[in-house]
Protein backbone atom coordinates (compact mmCIF):
# COMPACT_ATOMS: atom_id res chain seq x y z
CA MET A 1 0.00 0.00 0.00
CA LYS A 2 2.84 2.36 0.84
CA ILE A 3 4.41 1.63 -2.54
CA ILE A 4 1.12 2.43 -4.32
CA ARG A 5 0.80 5.74 -2.45
CA PHE A 6 4.45 6.57 -3.26
CA TYR A 7 4.02 6.04 -7.02
CA PHE A 8 0.67 7.86 -6.97
CA GLY A 9 2.42 10.81 -5.34
CA ILE A 10 5.16 10.78 -7.95
CA LEU A 11 2.57 10.61 -10.76
CA PHE A 12 0.62 13.54 -9.26
CA TYR A 13 3.84 15.59 -8.93
CA LEU A 14 4.90 14.93 -12.52
CA CYS A 15 1.45 15.81 -13.88
CA HIS A 16 1.45 19.01 -11.85
CA CYS A 17 4.91 19.96 -13.13
CA LEU A 18 3.94 19.28 -16.74
CA GLN A 19 0.84 21.43 -16.38
CA ALA A 20 2.83 24.24 -14.76
CA SER A 21 5.46 23.95 -17.50
CA ASP A 22 2.78 24.19 -20.20
CA VAL A 23 1.33 27.28 -18.55
CA ASP A 24 4.78 28.84 -18.24
CA LYS A 25 5.46 28.22 -21.92
CA LYS A 26 2.18 29.88 -22.93
CA ILE A 27 2.84 33.03 -20.94
CA VAL A 28 6.45 33.69 -22.02
CA GLY A 29 6.33 37.08 -23.72
CA PHE A 30 8.83 39.77 -24.54
CA SER A 31 7.25 42.55 -22.50
CA GLU A 32 6.74 40.58 -19.30
CA HIS A 33 9.72 38.23 -19.20
CA VAL A 34 12.40 38.90 -21.81
CA ALA A 35 12.57 42.71 -21.81
CA PRO A 36 13.70 42.98 -18.16
CA ILE A 37 16.58 40.60 -18.88
CA ILE A 38 17.67 42.39 -22.06
CA PHE A 39 17.28 45.93 -20.72
CA ASN A 40 19.25 45.23 -17.53
CA ASN A 41 22.03 43.12 -19.03
CA CYS A 42 22.43 43.93 -22.72
CA THR A 43 21.12 47.35 -23.75
CA SER A 44 23.88 49.32 -22.01
CA CYS A 45 26.25 48.18 -24.79
CA HIS A 46 23.65 47.37 -27.46
CA ARG A 47 22.58 50.92 -28.29
CA PRO A 48 23.80 53.67 -30.64
CA GLY A 49 27.27 54.98 -29.92
CA GLU A 50 28.38 52.00 -27.84
CA ALA A 51 30.68 49.07 -28.60
CA ALA A 52 28.07 46.51 -29.70
CA PRO A 53 27.37 46.13 -33.46
CA PHE A 54 23.56 46.36 -33.17
CA SER A 55 20.92 47.77 -30.83
CA LEU A 56 18.59 45.89 -28.46
CA ARG A 57 16.21 48.60 -27.26
CA ASN A 58 12.74 47.33 -28.17
CA TYR A 59 10.70 44.31 -29.19
CA GLN A 60 11.44 44.53 -32.91
CA GLU A 61 15.21 44.85 -32.43
CA VAL A 62 15.34 41.94 -29.99
CA LYS A 63 13.07 39.72 -32.09
CA LYS A 64 15.27 40.31 -35.15
CA ARG A 65 18.25 38.86 -33.24
CA GLY A 66 16.25 36.44 -31.08
CA ARG A 67 17.78 33.17 -32.26
CA LEU A 68 21.28 34.61 -32.02
CA ILE A 69 20.57 35.90 -28.51
CA ALA A 70 19.26 32.50 -27.40
CA ARG A 71 22.37 30.77 -28.75
CA VAL A 72 25.02 33.11 -27.31
CA THR A 73 23.32 33.29 -23.90
CA ALA A 74 22.97 29.50 -23.75
CA ASP A 75 26.67 29.19 -24.61
CA LYS A 76 27.41 31.92 -22.03
CA VAL A 77 29.27 33.98 -24.61
CA MET A 78 27.01 36.92 -23.84
CA PRO A 79 26.81 39.02 -21.79
CA PRO A 80 30.60 39.24 -22.01
CA TRP A 81 31.93 38.31 -18.58
CA HIS A 82 34.77 35.84 -18.59
CA ALA A 83 35.72 35.57 -14.93
CA GLU A 84 34.37 32.51 -13.19
CA SER A 85 32.59 32.90 -9.86
CA THR A 86 35.42 32.74 -7.31
CA ASP A 87 35.83 33.05 -3.57
CA TYR A 88 35.44 36.82 -3.87
CA GLU A 89 32.63 38.77 -5.53
CA PHE A 90 33.30 41.29 -8.31
CA GLU A 91 31.53 44.59 -8.86
CA GLY A 92 29.10 44.75 -11.78
CA GLN A 93 29.13 41.05 -12.64
CA ARG A 94 27.38 40.52 -15.98
CA LEU A 95 26.10 36.99 -15.45
CA LEU A 96 22.68 35.60 -16.40
CA THR A 97 21.10 33.00 -14.15
CA ASP A 98 20.13 29.61 -15.55
CA GLN A 99 16.49 30.67 -15.22
CA GLN A 100 17.06 33.84 -17.28
CA ILE A 101 18.83 31.85 -19.99
CA SER A 102 15.96 29.36 -20.01
CA ILE A 103 13.36 32.14 -20.36
CA ILE A 104 15.11 33.54 -23.44
CA GLY A 105 15.40 30.09 -25.01
CA GLU A 106 11.75 29.28 -24.28
CA TRP A 107 10.62 32.61 -25.71
CA VAL A 108 12.41 31.89 -28.98
CA LYS A 109 10.99 28.35 -29.15
CA GLN A 110 7.47 29.73 -28.68
CA GLY A 111 7.77 32.11 -31.63
CA MET A 112 9.01 35.28 -29.87
CA ASP A 113 5.62 36.69 -28.92
CA GLU A 114 5.48 40.36 -27.89
CA GLY A 115 3.28 39.66 -24.90
CA ASN A 116 1.37 42.50 -23.27
CA PRO A 117 2.96 45.87 -24.24
CA GLU A 118 1.37 47.47 -21.17
CA LYS A 119 3.68 45.34 -19.01
CA LEU A 120 6.84 46.50 -20.80
CA PRO A 121 9.27 47.82 -18.15
CA GLN A 122 10.83 51.22 -18.46
CA MET A 123 14.28 51.09 -19.99
CA PRO A 124 17.09 52.07 -17.59
CA THR A 125 18.48 55.57 -17.95
CA PHE A 126 21.90 55.35 -19.58
CA THR A 127 24.56 58.00 -19.25
CA GLU A 128 25.41 59.59 -22.58
CA GLY A 129 28.91 60.84 -23.30
CA TRP A 130 31.25 60.71 -20.33
CA GLN A 131 30.24 57.68 -18.25
CA LEU A 132 31.67 59.09 -15.02
CA GLY A 133 30.13 62.52 -15.48
CA GLU A 134 31.72 65.70 -16.76
CA PRO A 135 35.51 65.48 -16.27
CA ASP A 136 37.53 68.10 -14.44
CA LEU A 137 39.88 68.20 -17.42
CA VAL A 138 39.51 66.96 -21.02
CA LEU A 139 42.69 66.11 -22.92
CA THR A 140 42.85 65.52 -26.67
CA MET A 141 45.54 64.43 -29.07
CA LYS A 142 47.32 67.33 -30.76
CA GLU A 143 46.21 66.04 -34.17
CA GLU A 144 44.64 62.99 -35.78
CA TYR A 145 46.77 59.89 -36.27
CA PRO A 146 46.23 58.09 -39.62
CA VAL A 147 45.82 54.33 -39.17
CA PRO A 148 46.36 52.33 -42.40
CA ALA A 149 43.95 49.65 -43.60
CA VAL A 150 46.37 46.72 -43.52
CA GLY A 151 49.73 45.78 -42.07
CA ARG A 152 51.21 44.79 -38.74
CA ASP A 153 49.84 46.04 -35.43
CA ILE A 154 50.95 49.56 -34.55
CA TYR A 155 52.26 50.59 -31.14
CA ARG A 156 52.32 54.37 -30.94
CA SER A 157 52.78 56.78 -28.04
CA PHE A 158 51.27 60.26 -27.95
CA VAL A 159 52.27 63.10 -25.64
CA ILE A 160 49.83 65.72 -24.38
CA PRO A 161 51.77 68.61 -22.82
CA LEU A 162 50.56 69.82 -19.43
CA ASP A 163 51.63 72.78 -17.33
CA PHE A 164 50.53 72.15 -13.77
CA LYS A 165 52.49 74.13 -11.20
CA LYS A 166 51.50 71.81 -8.35
CA ASP A 167 51.03 68.08 -7.96
CA LYS A 168 47.59 66.76 -8.86
CA TRP A 169 45.83 63.59 -7.72
CA ILE A 170 43.75 61.60 -10.20
CA LYS A 171 40.90 59.37 -9.00
CA ALA A 172 39.76 58.24 -12.48
CA VAL A 173 40.71 58.43 -16.15
CA GLU A 174 38.08 57.89 -18.86
CA PHE A 175 39.20 57.21 -22.44
CA ILE A 176 37.08 57.69 -25.58
CA PRO A 177 38.62 56.56 -28.89
CA SER A 178 37.26 58.12 -32.07
CA ALA A 179 37.93 54.90 -34.04
CA PRO A 180 37.14 52.07 -31.59
CA GLU A 181 37.35 49.54 -34.43
CA VAL A 182 41.16 49.82 -34.44
CA VAL A 183 42.11 50.85 -30.88
CA HIS A 184 42.76 47.68 -28.91
CA HIS A 185 44.11 49.21 -25.72
CA SER A 186 45.80 52.28 -24.34
CA LEU A 187 48.06 52.68 -21.31
CA PHE A 188 48.40 56.02 -19.53
CA ARG A 189 51.50 57.37 -17.81
CA TYR A 190 53.32 60.62 -17.20
CA ASP A 191 56.74 61.99 -18.16
CA THR A 192 58.56 64.55 -16.02
CA LEU A 193 61.84 64.56 -17.97
CA GLY A 194 60.67 65.79 -21.37
CA TRP A 195 61.70 62.59 -23.19
CA ALA A 196 58.28 62.15 -24.79
CA ARG A 197 58.27 65.68 -26.20
CA LYS A 198 61.71 65.15 -27.74
CA LEU A 199 60.73 61.81 -29.31
CA ASP A 200 57.50 63.33 -30.61
CA ALA A 201 59.36 66.27 -32.17
CA ARG A 202 61.63 63.90 -34.13
CA SER A 203 58.71 62.09 -35.77
CA LYS A 204 57.14 63.25 -39.05
CA THR A 205 53.77 61.79 -38.06
CA PRO A 206 51.90 62.32 -34.78
CA GLY A 207 53.34 60.44 -31.83
CA PHE A 208 56.42 58.25 -31.65
CA THR A 209 57.19 54.54 -31.89
CA GLY A 210 57.17 52.32 -28.85
CA MET A 211 55.03 51.73 -25.81
CA GLY A 212 55.83 51.94 -22.13
CA GLU A 213 54.63 48.36 -21.61
CA GLY A 214 57.25 47.80 -18.97
CA GLU A 215 56.09 50.82 -16.98
CA ILE A 216 52.44 49.92 -16.50
CA LEU A 217 53.03 49.07 -12.85
CA GLY A 218 55.69 51.63 -12.08
CA PRO A 219 55.25 54.92 -10.25
CA ARG A 220 54.56 56.72 -13.53
CA SER A 221 51.47 54.65 -14.39
CA LEU A 222 48.07 56.38 -14.59
CA GLY A 223 46.04 53.29 -15.46
CA GLY A 224 44.74 52.19 -18.83
CA TRP A 225 41.84 51.17 -21.05
CA GLY A 226 41.14 48.01 -23.06
CA VAL A 227 38.43 46.77 -25.39
CA GLY A 228 35.30 46.08 -23.38
CA GLY A 229 36.56 47.98 -20.37
CA ARG A 230 34.66 50.77 -18.65
CA ALA A 231 36.04 53.66 -16.65
CA LYS A 232 35.89 53.31 -12.87
CA PHE A 233 36.83 55.47 -9.92
CA LEU A 234 39.60 54.12 -7.73
CA PRO A 235 38.06 52.76 -4.51
CA GLY A 236 38.58 53.88 -0.95
CA GLY A 237 39.83 57.38 -1.75
CA LEU A 238 42.89 56.09 -3.65
CA ALA A 239 44.39 58.24 -6.41
CA TYR A 240 47.25 58.40 -8.92
CA ARG A 241 49.84 61.12 -8.38
CA LEU A 242 50.46 63.47 -11.33
CA PRO A 243 53.58 65.52 -10.49
CA SER A 244 53.86 69.20 -11.31
CA GLY A 245 55.38 69.82 -14.74
CA ALA A 246 54.54 66.32 -16.00
CA ASP A 247 53.19 65.55 -19.46
CA PHE A 248 50.42 63.01 -20.07
CA ILE A 249 51.35 60.03 -22.28
CA MET A 250 49.01 57.64 -24.10
CA ASP A 251 50.64 54.37 -25.22
CA MET A 252 48.25 52.98 -27.82
CA HIS A 253 47.93 49.62 -29.55
CA PHE A 254 46.22 49.73 -32.96
CA HIS A 255 44.91 46.50 -34.48
CA LEU A 256 44.20 47.21 -38.16
CA SER A 257 40.65 46.65 -39.42
CA GLY A 258 40.98 46.40 -43.21
CA LYS A 259 40.00 50.00 -43.87
CA PRO A 260 41.85 53.25 -43.15
CA GLU A 261 40.90 55.11 -39.99
CA ARG A 262 41.88 58.34 -38.26
CA GLU A 263 42.19 58.32 -34.49
CA PHE A 264 41.62 61.40 -32.35
CA SER A 265 41.29 60.23 -28.76
CA LYS A 266 39.77 62.13 -25.85
CA VAL A 267 40.74 61.57 -22.23
CA GLY A 268 38.69 62.74 -19.27
CA ILE A 269 40.59 63.38 -16.03
CA TYR A 270 38.83 63.34 -12.66
CA PHE A 271 40.84 64.95 -9.87
CA SER A 272 40.71 64.21 -6.16
CA ASP A 273 40.21 67.20 -3.88
CA SER A 274 43.03 66.11 -1.59
CA PRO A 275 46.00 63.71 -1.58
CA PRO A 276 45.07 60.11 -0.70
CA LYS A 277 45.87 58.80 2.74
CA GLU A 278 46.98 55.45 1.31
CA VAL A 279 49.15 54.27 -1.59
CA PHE A 280 48.74 51.40 -4.03
CA THR A 281 50.66 49.50 -6.68
CA GLY A 282 50.36 46.42 -8.87
CA ILE A 283 51.79 42.91 -8.72
CA GLN A 284 52.25 41.45 -12.18
CA MET A 285 52.73 37.69 -12.57
CA PRO A 286 54.70 36.64 -14.47
CA PRO A 287 56.68 39.91 -14.69
CA GLU A 288 56.78 42.09 -17.82
CA PHE A 289 53.75 40.34 -19.37
CA GLY A 290 55.74 37.11 -19.49
CA ALA A 291 58.62 38.66 -21.43
CA LEU A 292 61.16 37.13 -19.04
CA SER A 293 59.64 33.64 -19.23
CA ARG A 294 60.97 32.72 -22.68
CA VAL A 295 57.49 32.07 -24.05
CA SER A 296 57.83 29.88 -27.16
CA ILE A 297 54.68 27.92 -28.00
CA PRO A 298 55.11 24.94 -30.37
CA PRO A 299 52.53 24.40 -33.11
CA GLY A 300 49.83 21.99 -32.02
CA ASP A 301 50.38 22.53 -28.28
CA SER A 302 46.94 23.22 -26.79
CA ASN A 303 48.11 23.56 -23.18
CA TYR A 304 51.38 25.51 -23.17
CA THR A 305 51.70 26.72 -19.59
CA VAL A 306 53.76 29.27 -17.67
CA GLU A 307 53.47 29.43 -13.88
CA ASP A 308 54.76 31.94 -11.37
CA SER A 309 54.75 32.25 -7.57
CA PHE A 310 55.46 35.19 -5.29
CA VAL A 311 55.41 35.37 -1.48
CA LEU A 312 54.18 38.68 -0.09
CA PRO A 313 56.80 40.45 2.05
CA VAL A 314 54.23 42.74 3.73
CA ASP A 315 50.53 42.87 4.59
CA LEU A 316 48.41 43.96 1.61
CA GLU A 317 44.82 44.48 0.56
CA ALA A 318 43.77 43.66 -3.01
CA PHE A 319 41.03 45.60 -4.78
CA SER A 320 41.30 44.84 -8.51
CA VAL A 321 42.68 42.23 -10.89
CA SER A 322 43.14 42.16 -14.66
CA PRO A 323 44.49 39.54 -17.09
CA HIS A 324 46.20 40.05 -20.44
CA ALA A 325 47.16 37.81 -23.36
CA HIS A 326 46.75 37.70 -27.14
CA TYR A 327 44.88 35.37 -29.52
CA LEU A 328 46.34 32.10 -28.22
CA GLY A 329 45.41 32.82 -24.62
CA LYS A 330 43.24 30.06 -23.15
CA GLU A 331 43.15 30.04 -19.35
CA MET A 332 44.36 32.36 -16.59
CA LYS A 333 44.25 31.74 -12.88
CA MET A 334 45.56 33.48 -9.78
CA THR A 335 45.21 32.05 -6.28
CA ALA A 336 46.27 33.10 -2.79
CA THR A 337 47.51 30.48 -0.32
CA PHE A 338 47.51 31.68 3.28
CA ALA A 339 49.73 30.68 6.19
CA ASN A 340 47.13 28.20 7.46
CA GLY A 341 47.24 26.34 4.13
CA GLU A 342 43.87 27.62 2.91
CA THR A 343 43.78 28.56 -0.80
CA LYS A 344 41.41 31.14 -2.29
CA THR A 345 40.90 31.96 -5.97
CA LEU A 346 41.43 35.62 -6.89
CA LEU A 347 40.75 35.21 -10.62
CA TRP A 348 39.96 32.33 -12.94
CA ILE A 349 39.24 32.72 -16.63
CA LYS A 350 38.70 29.37 -18.32
CA ASN A 351 37.97 30.74 -21.80
CA TRP A 352 40.08 33.80 -22.59
CA ASP A 353 38.74 36.18 -25.25
CA PHE A 354 41.25 38.62 -26.74
CA SER A 355 38.37 40.92 -27.75
CA TRP A 356 37.50 41.73 -24.13
CA GLN A 357 40.19 43.20 -21.88
CA GLU A 358 38.30 43.51 -18.60
CA GLN A 359 39.51 44.90 -15.29
CA TYR A 360 37.71 43.13 -12.47
CA ASN A 361 37.15 45.15 -9.30
CA TYR A 362 36.37 43.29 -6.11
CA LYS A 363 33.30 44.37 -4.17
CA ASN A 364 35.39 44.60 -1.02
CA PHE A 365 39.09 44.94 -0.23
CA ILE A 366 40.68 41.50 0.20
CA PRO A 367 43.22 41.09 3.05
CA LEU A 368 46.43 39.35 1.93
CA PRO A 369 48.66 38.98 5.01
CA LYS A 370 52.45 38.90 4.91
CA GLY A 371 53.61 35.41 3.92
CA THR A 372 50.67 34.77 1.60
CA ARG A 373 51.80 33.01 -1.58
CA LEU A 374 50.32 34.18 -4.88
CA ASP A 375 50.31 31.55 -7.64
CA THR A 376 49.54 32.36 -11.27
CA LYS A 377 49.01 30.06 -14.22
CA ILE A 378 48.79 31.21 -17.86
CA VAL A 379 47.77 28.67 -20.53
CA TRP A 380 47.94 29.16 -24.30
CA ASP A 381 46.37 27.08 -27.10
CA ASN A 382 48.39 26.94 -30.33
CA SER A 383 46.38 24.13 -31.92
CA ALA A 384 44.34 24.13 -35.11
CA GLU A 385 41.25 23.66 -32.91
CA ASN A 386 41.69 27.17 -31.49
CA PRO A 387 39.33 29.28 -33.66
CA ASN A 388 41.25 32.44 -32.72
CA ASN A 389 44.64 31.12 -33.88
CA PRO A 390 46.01 33.73 -36.33
CA TYR A 391 47.99 31.06 -38.18
CA ASP A 392 46.64 28.28 -40.39
CA PRO A 393 48.34 25.90 -40.07
CA PRO A 394 49.66 26.73 -36.60
CA ARG A 395 53.32 27.71 -36.29
CA ARG A 396 55.65 28.37 -33.38
CA VAL A 397 54.70 31.59 -31.60
CA SER A 398 57.10 33.44 -29.29
CA TRP A 399 56.79 36.39 -26.95
CA GLY A 400 56.27 39.76 -28.62
CA LEU A 401 54.22 42.94 -28.75
CA GLN A 402 52.36 42.08 -31.98
CA SER A 403 48.90 40.54 -31.61
CA SER A 404 50.12 37.63 -33.72
CA GLU A 405 52.85 37.04 -31.11
CA GLU A 406 52.10 36.23 -27.48
CA MET A 407 52.35 37.56 -23.97
CA GLY A 408 50.46 36.85 -20.79
CA SER A 409 50.12 37.90 -17.18
CA VAL A 410 47.69 38.65 -14.37
CA ILE A 411 47.94 41.97 -12.54
CA VAL A 412 46.47 42.43 -9.08
CA LEU A 413 46.26 45.95 -7.63
CA VAL A 414 47.07 46.14 -3.94
CA LYS A 415 47.57 48.70 -1.19
CA PRO A 416 50.20 48.31 1.55
CA ARG A 417 49.83 49.95 4.94
CA ASN A 418 52.34 52.76 4.33
CA GLU A 419 55.08 54.11 2.03
CA GLU A 420 57.80 52.13 3.82
CA GLU A 421 56.05 48.84 3.15
CA MET A 422 55.39 49.97 -0.43
CA GLU A 423 59.16 50.28 -0.89
CA MET A 424 59.68 46.83 0.63
CA LEU A 425 57.15 45.39 -1.82
CA HIS A 426 58.77 47.13 -4.80
CA ARG A 427 62.21 45.79 -3.83
CA ALA A 428 60.80 42.28 -3.53
CA LEU A 429 59.08 42.57 -6.92
CA LYS A 430 62.28 43.84 -8.54
CA SER A 431 64.21 40.93 -7.05
CA HIS A 432 61.52 38.52 -8.24
CA ALA A 433 61.72 39.86 -11.80
CA GLY A 434 65.51 39.62 -11.71
CA LYS A 435 65.37 35.98 -10.64
CA HIS A 436 62.89 35.30 -13.43
CA TYR A 437 65.25 36.83 -15.96
CA ARG A 438 68.44 35.14 -14.74
CA LEU A 439 66.74 31.75 -14.44
CA ARG A 440 65.43 31.72 -17.99
CA ASN A 441 67.89 33.96 -19.85
CA PRO A 442 71.61 33.14 -19.71
CA PRO A 443 74.02 36.08 -19.97
CA ARG A 444 74.32 37.44 -23.52
CA SER A 445 71.31 35.41 -24.66
CA SER A 446 69.67 36.43 -27.93
CA PHE A 447 66.27 36.34 -26.24
CA GLY A 448 67.41 38.78 -23.58
CA ASP A 449 68.80 41.10 -26.25
CA ARG A 450 65.44 40.98 -28.03
CA ILE A 451 63.51 41.88 -24.88
CA ARG A 452 65.78 44.86 -24.23
CA SER A 453 65.41 46.07 -27.82
CA LEU A 454 61.62 45.82 -27.72
CA PHE A 455 61.39 48.20 -24.77
CA ARG A 456 64.18 50.50 -25.92
CA GLY A 457 61.77 52.63 -27.93
CA SER A 458 59.49 53.32 -24.99
CA GLY A 459 61.39 56.24 -23.56
CA LYS A 460 62.94 54.10 -20.83
CA LYS A 461 66.61 53.91 -20.06
CA ASP A 462 67.91 50.54 -21.18
CA ASN A 463 69.33 48.89 -18.11
């Protein structure tokens, strides 16, 4: 008898679920169910003047792309958010729930009905122009830079002269390219010695050759921008120092699009009212975007891996993390192992996408006590199965600045307790980079000579 009641209960439950499912399928409409998902997760980019190639602002626009939307959301390609859920939450995570993905798929299967227009939610108000509000200062290039239709990637630096009589503190930098189709990323820094002006004056075209790649984490860094990235204020009252008399430098990477373009970038500067009470810096692993790791990826190798470890010499707090690689990038992971043996994941990207260079800000500062070991793993895929491989058939790819070459690292931004401990951290990082170089590059090695020559054009002294 108990068995009969058990099976009867199961049968009743299944029938009830089927009926509920049928009802749910009948009521899936754009206005009631799909529009809230699209408006809150997609329209910010899918509207005129933004990065996305088409708009998703109303029923007709979404219906036109409905099957594509269902496919890319089911595959979790869109919305573009490549960091896995880790032990720490990120700000502004663009992740759809399984239920939201199911609703979109069900809506498409049912014929993409509009539903009841009276239940259409109001579209969020999006900020036009400067995303962080009107800047305190707007900088522009002195003149347009002509970008050719075809050829190798271009690395070009542009100087914008400034004339501040006192030090300034910058809490955010917002970058707006005029030709986003060809600008892959831009790094910002300052020059107090006049080198950039001299190099610019020698060139017949705007700007000068070379990027300050090796200086992104140094004291002259003012942040950067990459494809898919959005401007953010530094947290907790932190700010970049811009010394009096310094010039602003943009180190830009152009990836040619097949048609000629002209770039005339704008930069919005947001100043802090007072100097910050705390300092911050970055820890890059492996150092110099992997330049010291003798990256040389054989054709067909789908799991070429470089690993790096660094033990923190002082107490730190992390607040942001960003990865970087080129087309062969596959997986990136950074973990923190504490003194008690517990390991936490700071960043994990299982499917790297060169088209999206995201900086991930943690919702809260993450304590990293002295003695914590950071471990980083970078994996590249140089197989024919990699759809992003620039070579067909695959060929050996070594480290280099070109997009068809490779590099890779994870950068975590941290704040020490004071300037003294900042200096201790910088000395430890310099020693770590030196060990990396000596371990993998014998004296007078051709690879070491190549690395030095690549950075020689950046305005740095060649050490």
